[in-house]
Amino acid sequence: MLIVEARVIRRKAPAAVEPRMVGDKEEMLAELRGVRERTLAFIEETKGRDLSEYNMPHPFLGTLNAYDWLQFIASHEITAQEADARDCRLPTKTVTGFA
């Protein structure tokens, strides 16, 4: 989904999903890996089936079918990886004292 990957519409995450509000990094990464494995298993299990009639609304992109949702997930993962790579290149602040 080009609109997601290009970040044409930039959205701020609601406080409920802000990483600092959710939990331990390793727990979150483990959960993300589990969800990714289940998503890949779902894709494998449904090969050969027509999933285009399964729809669910997205709050900003409108109604998406199952294929659109899978593409959205992939596009979202791409933008997250790009953001992580960009953040890793940024210099970190060093605090040397307090005023």
N, C-alpha and C. Protein backbone atom coordinates (compact mmCIF):
# COMPACT_ATOMS: atom_id res chain seq x y z
N MET A 1 0.85 -1.18 0.00
CA MET A 1 0.00 0.00 0.00
C MET A 1 0.89 1.23 0.00
N LEU A 2 0.94 1.85 -1.12
CA LEU A 2 1.80 3.00 -1.30
C LEU A 2 1.48 4.12 -0.31
N ILE A 3 0.20 4.35 -0.05
CA ILE A 3 -0.19 5.43 0.86
C ILE A 3 0.39 5.22 2.26
N VAL A 4 0.52 3.96 2.67
CA VAL A 4 1.08 3.66 3.99
C VAL A 4 2.60 3.75 3.95
N GLU A 5 3.21 3.14 2.94
CA GLU A 5 4.67 3.14 2.85
C GLU A 5 5.24 4.53 2.63
N ALA A 6 4.53 5.36 1.85
CA ALA A 6 4.99 6.72 1.58
C ALA A 6 4.69 7.66 2.74
N ARG A 7 3.89 7.19 3.68
CA ARG A 7 3.50 7.99 4.84
C ARG A 7 2.88 9.31 4.41
N VAL A 8 2.02 9.23 3.38
CA VAL A 8 1.32 10.41 2.88
C VAL A 8 0.45 10.99 3.97
N ILE A 9 -0.20 10.12 4.70
CA ILE A 9 -1.03 10.54 5.83
C ILE A 9 -0.31 10.07 7.09
N ARG A 10 0.26 11.01 7.83
CA ARG A 10 0.99 10.66 9.05
C ARG A 10 0.02 10.70 10.22
N ARG A 11 0.00 9.63 10.98
CA ARG A 11 -0.89 9.53 12.13
C ARG A 11 -0.07 9.34 13.38
N LYS A 12 -0.51 9.95 14.47
CA LYS A 12 0.13 9.74 15.76
C LYS A 12 -0.61 8.61 16.46
N ALA A 13 0.15 7.69 17.02
CA ALA A 13 -0.46 6.55 17.70
C ALA A 13 -1.22 7.03 18.93
N PRO A 14 -2.38 6.47 19.18
CA PRO A 14 -3.10 6.81 20.42
C PRO A 14 -2.25 6.40 21.62
N ALA A 15 -2.44 7.06 22.74
CA ALA A 15 -1.66 6.77 23.94
C ALA A 15 -1.69 5.29 24.31
N ALA A 16 -2.80 4.63 24.03
CA ALA A 16 -2.94 3.21 24.40
C ALA A 16 -1.94 2.31 23.69
N VAL A 17 -1.38 2.74 22.56
CA VAL A 17 -0.43 1.91 21.85
C VAL A 17 0.96 2.53 21.78
N GLU A 18 1.20 3.59 22.51
CA GLU A 18 2.54 4.17 22.58
C GLU A 18 3.45 3.16 23.26
N PRO A 19 4.61 2.83 22.68
CA PRO A 19 5.49 1.80 23.24
C PRO A 19 5.83 2.01 24.71
N ARG A 20 6.08 3.23 25.12
CA ARG A 20 6.46 3.46 26.52
C ARG A 20 5.31 3.20 27.49
N MET A 21 4.10 3.07 26.95
CA MET A 21 2.94 2.84 27.79
C MET A 21 2.52 1.36 27.81
N VAL A 22 3.17 0.53 26.99
CA VAL A 22 2.69 -0.84 26.81
C VAL A 22 3.36 -1.84 27.72
N GLY A 23 4.67 -1.91 27.71
CA GLY A 23 5.31 -2.92 28.54
C GLY A 23 6.76 -3.14 28.17
N ASP A 24 7.28 -4.23 28.68
CA ASP A 24 8.67 -4.59 28.49
C ASP A 24 8.98 -4.85 27.01
N LYS A 25 10.09 -4.32 26.54
CA LYS A 25 10.47 -4.44 25.14
C LYS A 25 10.57 -5.89 24.69
N GLU A 26 11.24 -6.73 25.47
CA GLU A 26 11.41 -8.14 25.07
C GLU A 26 10.07 -8.88 25.02
N GLU A 27 9.18 -8.57 25.95
CA GLU A 27 7.85 -9.19 25.93
C GLU A 27 7.08 -8.76 24.68
N MET A 28 7.17 -7.48 24.35
CA MET A 28 6.47 -6.97 23.18
C MET A 28 7.03 -7.58 21.90
N LEU A 29 8.36 -7.71 21.81
CA LEU A 29 8.97 -8.30 20.63
C LEU A 29 8.58 -9.77 20.49
N ALA A 30 8.54 -10.48 21.61
CA ALA A 30 8.13 -11.89 21.58
C ALA A 30 6.68 -12.01 21.11
N GLU A 31 5.82 -11.13 21.60
CA GLU A 31 4.42 -11.15 21.17
C GLU A 31 4.31 -10.82 19.68
N LEU A 32 5.08 -9.84 19.22
CA LEU A 32 5.08 -9.47 17.81
C LEU A 32 5.53 -10.64 16.94
N ARG A 33 6.58 -11.34 17.38
CA ARG A 33 7.05 -12.51 16.62
C ARG A 33 5.97 -13.58 16.55
N GLY A 34 5.25 -13.79 17.66
CA GLY A 34 4.17 -14.78 17.67
C GLY A 34 3.04 -14.41 16.72
N VAL A 35 2.67 -13.14 16.72
CA VAL A 35 1.61 -12.68 15.82
C VAL A 35 2.05 -12.83 14.37
N ARG A 36 3.32 -12.50 14.10
CA ARG A 36 3.84 -12.63 12.74
C ARG A 36 3.81 -14.09 12.29
N GLU A 37 4.20 -15.01 13.17
CA GLU A 37 4.17 -16.43 12.84
C GLU A 37 2.74 -16.89 12.55
N ARG A 38 1.78 -16.43 13.37
CA ARG A 38 0.38 -16.80 13.14
C ARG A 38 -0.15 -16.21 11.84
N THR A 39 0.28 -15.00 11.51
CA THR A 39 -0.14 -14.37 10.26
C THR A 39 0.40 -15.16 9.07
N LEU A 40 1.68 -15.53 9.13
CA LEU A 40 2.27 -16.32 8.04
C LEU A 40 1.59 -17.69 7.94
N ALA A 41 1.24 -18.29 9.07
CA ALA A 41 0.53 -19.58 9.06
C ALA A 41 -0.86 -19.41 8.43
N PHE A 42 -1.54 -18.31 8.75
CA PHE A 42 -2.85 -18.02 8.17
C PHE A 42 -2.74 -17.91 6.65
N ILE A 43 -1.73 -17.20 6.17
CA ILE A 43 -1.53 -17.05 4.73
C ILE A 43 -1.33 -18.42 4.09
N GLU A 44 -0.52 -19.24 4.71
CA GLU A 44 -0.24 -20.59 4.18
C GLU A 44 -1.51 -21.45 4.18
N GLU A 45 -2.27 -21.39 5.27
CA GLU A 45 -3.47 -22.22 5.41
C GLU A 45 -4.58 -21.82 4.46
N THR A 46 -4.61 -20.57 4.04
CA THR A 46 -5.71 -20.10 3.20
C THR A 46 -5.34 -19.97 1.73
N LYS A 47 -4.17 -20.48 1.36
CA LYS A 47 -3.80 -20.45 -0.07
C LYS A 47 -4.88 -21.19 -0.86
N GLY A 48 -5.22 -20.61 -1.99
CA GLY A 48 -6.23 -21.24 -2.84
C GLY A 48 -7.65 -20.87 -2.49
N ARG A 49 -7.85 -20.15 -1.40
CA ARG A 49 -9.20 -19.69 -1.04
C ARG A 49 -9.35 -18.23 -1.43
N ASP A 50 -10.57 -17.83 -1.78
CA ASP A 50 -10.85 -16.44 -2.11
C ASP A 50 -11.24 -15.70 -0.83
N LEU A 51 -10.36 -14.84 -0.38
CA LEU A 51 -10.60 -14.09 0.86
C LEU A 51 -11.07 -12.66 0.59
N SER A 52 -11.35 -12.34 -0.66
CA SER A 52 -11.70 -10.97 -1.01
C SER A 52 -13.05 -10.53 -0.45
N GLU A 53 -13.90 -11.47 -0.08
CA GLU A 53 -15.21 -11.11 0.45
C GLU A 53 -15.19 -10.84 1.96
N TYR A 54 -14.07 -11.10 2.61
CA TYR A 54 -13.95 -10.83 4.04
C TYR A 54 -13.45 -9.41 4.21
N ASN A 55 -14.28 -8.56 4.80
CA ASN A 55 -13.98 -7.14 4.93
C ASN A 55 -14.04 -6.69 6.37
N MET A 56 -13.26 -5.65 6.65
CA MET A 56 -13.27 -5.04 7.98
C MET A 56 -12.84 -3.58 7.81
N PRO A 57 -13.47 -2.67 8.54
CA PRO A 57 -13.13 -1.26 8.36
C PRO A 57 -11.79 -0.89 9.01
N HIS A 58 -11.10 0.03 8.38
CA HIS A 58 -9.90 0.66 8.93
C HIS A 58 -10.30 2.10 9.24
N PRO A 59 -9.88 2.65 10.37
CA PRO A 59 -10.35 3.99 10.76
C PRO A 59 -9.97 5.11 9.80
N PHE A 60 -8.93 4.95 8.99
CA PHE A 60 -8.52 6.02 8.09
C PHE A 60 -8.54 5.62 6.62
N LEU A 61 -8.40 4.34 6.33
CA LEU A 61 -8.32 3.89 4.94
C LEU A 61 -9.64 3.35 4.41
N GLY A 62 -10.66 3.29 5.24
CA GLY A 62 -11.95 2.76 4.81
C GLY A 62 -12.00 1.25 4.95
N THR A 63 -12.93 0.63 4.25
CA THR A 63 -13.10 -0.81 4.33
C THR A 63 -12.02 -1.52 3.52
N LEU A 64 -11.37 -2.48 4.17
CA LEU A 64 -10.33 -3.27 3.52
C LEU A 64 -10.74 -4.73 3.52
N ASN A 65 -10.44 -5.43 2.41
CA ASN A 65 -10.70 -6.87 2.41
C ASN A 65 -9.47 -7.57 3.00
N ALA A 66 -9.53 -8.88 3.11
CA ALA A 66 -8.45 -9.64 3.75
C ALA A 66 -7.11 -9.41 3.06
N TYR A 67 -7.11 -9.34 1.74
CA TYR A 67 -5.86 -9.11 1.00
C TYR A 67 -5.32 -7.70 1.27
N ASP A 68 -6.23 -6.73 1.33
CA ASP A 68 -5.82 -5.36 1.65
C ASP A 68 -5.19 -5.30 3.04
N TRP A 69 -5.80 -6.01 4.00
CA TRP A 69 -5.26 -6.02 5.36
C TRP A 69 -3.87 -6.64 5.40
N LEU A 70 -3.68 -7.73 4.68
CA LEU A 70 -2.35 -8.35 4.65
C LEU A 70 -1.32 -7.41 4.02
N GLN A 71 -1.73 -6.71 2.97
CA GLN A 71 -0.83 -5.73 2.35
C GLN A 71 -0.56 -4.58 3.30
N PHE A 72 -1.57 -4.15 4.04
CA PHE A 72 -1.41 -3.08 5.02
C PHE A 72 -0.39 -3.49 6.10
N ILE A 73 -0.52 -4.72 6.58
CA ILE A 73 0.41 -5.22 7.60
C ILE A 73 1.84 -5.19 7.05
N ALA A 74 2.02 -5.66 5.83
CA ALA A 74 3.35 -5.67 5.22
C ALA A 74 3.88 -4.25 5.05
N SER A 75 3.05 -3.35 4.58
CA SER A 75 3.47 -1.96 4.39
C SER A 75 3.81 -1.30 5.72
N HIS A 76 3.02 -1.58 6.71
CA HIS A 76 3.26 -1.02 8.04
C HIS A 76 4.60 -1.52 8.59
N GLU A 77 4.88 -2.79 8.36
CA GLU A 77 6.15 -3.37 8.82
C GLU A 77 7.33 -2.71 8.11
N ILE A 78 7.17 -2.44 6.81
CA ILE A 78 8.23 -1.76 6.06
C ILE A 78 8.51 -0.39 6.64
N THR A 79 7.46 0.39 6.91
CA THR A 79 7.68 1.74 7.45
C THR A 79 8.28 1.69 8.85
N ALA A 80 7.90 0.69 9.64
CA ALA A 80 8.48 0.56 10.99
C ALA A 80 9.96 0.22 10.90
N GLN A 81 10.32 -0.67 9.99
CA GLN A 81 11.74 -1.02 9.82
C GLN A 81 12.54 0.18 9.34
N GLU A 82 11.97 0.97 8.43
CA GLU A 82 12.66 2.17 7.95
C GLU A 82 12.84 3.18 9.08
N ALA A 83 11.81 3.33 9.92
CA ALA A 83 11.91 4.26 11.05
C ALA A 83 12.97 3.79 12.04
N ASP A 84 13.00 2.48 12.31
CA ASP A 84 14.02 1.94 13.22
C ASP A 84 15.42 2.18 12.68
N ALA A 85 15.60 1.94 11.38
CA ALA A 85 16.92 2.16 10.77
C ALA A 85 17.30 3.63 10.84
N ARG A 86 16.35 4.50 10.60
CA ARG A 86 16.59 5.94 10.67
C ARG A 86 16.94 6.36 12.10
N ASP A 87 16.22 5.84 13.07
CA ASP A 87 16.47 6.17 14.47
C ASP A 87 17.85 5.69 14.91
N CYS A 88 18.29 4.56 14.40
CA CYS A 88 19.61 4.02 14.77
C CYS A 88 20.74 4.90 14.24
N ARG A 89 20.49 5.63 13.17
CA ARG A 89 21.51 6.51 12.60
C ARG A 89 21.58 7.86 13.30
N LEU A 90 20.56 8.20 14.07
CA LEU A 90 20.54 9.50 14.75
C LEU A 90 21.51 9.50 15.92
N PRO A 91 22.21 10.63 16.13
CA PRO A 91 23.10 10.69 17.29
C PRO A 91 22.28 10.69 18.58
N THR A 92 22.82 10.10 19.60
CA THR A 92 22.13 10.08 20.88
C THR A 92 22.59 11.26 21.72
N LYS A 93 21.71 11.73 22.59
CA LYS A 93 22.05 12.84 23.49
C LYS A 93 22.80 12.30 24.69
N THR A 94 23.78 13.02 25.12
CA THR A 94 24.51 12.66 26.33
C THR A 94 24.25 13.76 27.36
N VAL A 95 23.77 13.37 28.50
CA VAL A 95 23.52 14.32 29.57
C VAL A 95 24.76 14.36 30.44
N THR A 96 25.33 15.56 30.58
CA THR A 96 26.57 15.67 31.35
C THR A 96 26.35 16.25 32.75
N GLY A 97 25.21 16.82 32.97
CA GLY A 97 24.97 17.38 34.30
C GLY A 97 23.59 17.98 34.37
N PHE A 98 23.21 18.43 35.54
CA PHE A 98 21.90 19.03 35.73
C PHE A 98 22.09 20.48 36.14
N ALA A 99 21.21 21.33 35.67
CA ALA A 99 21.29 22.76 35.99
C ALA A 99 20.65 23.05 37.32
